[in-house]
């Protein structure tokens, strides 16, 4: 059962690899930076969809959200006039959760 589940997870990321390969195999003298970037964006979107299909979702708090030490990692404290003390000011890096298990907390800046 584990092999079958693993094979399905691996199979779901193969289109991402294909998209990245297409973007990386472009002739830089013939393709614009925007075209290559568009291909990488498509690959990123496909990867996020594949992860989501397997129960892995982003943790992306917004400015003004309450800091949750289980889902967020405070990287720095800053003075902020528009956000209450202890609340999130900025998201530095998205986190990820697998169902209810935090794989990586979102890295955030907190208001003092």
Foldseek 3Di string as FASTA:
>chain_A
DVVVVVVLLVVQLVVLVVLLCVLVPDDPVVDDPVVSVVSNVVSVVSVQVSCVVQQKHKADDDFQAADDVQQEDEPEEDADDPHDFRTFHAFPAIWMARNPRTPGHTYTYGYD
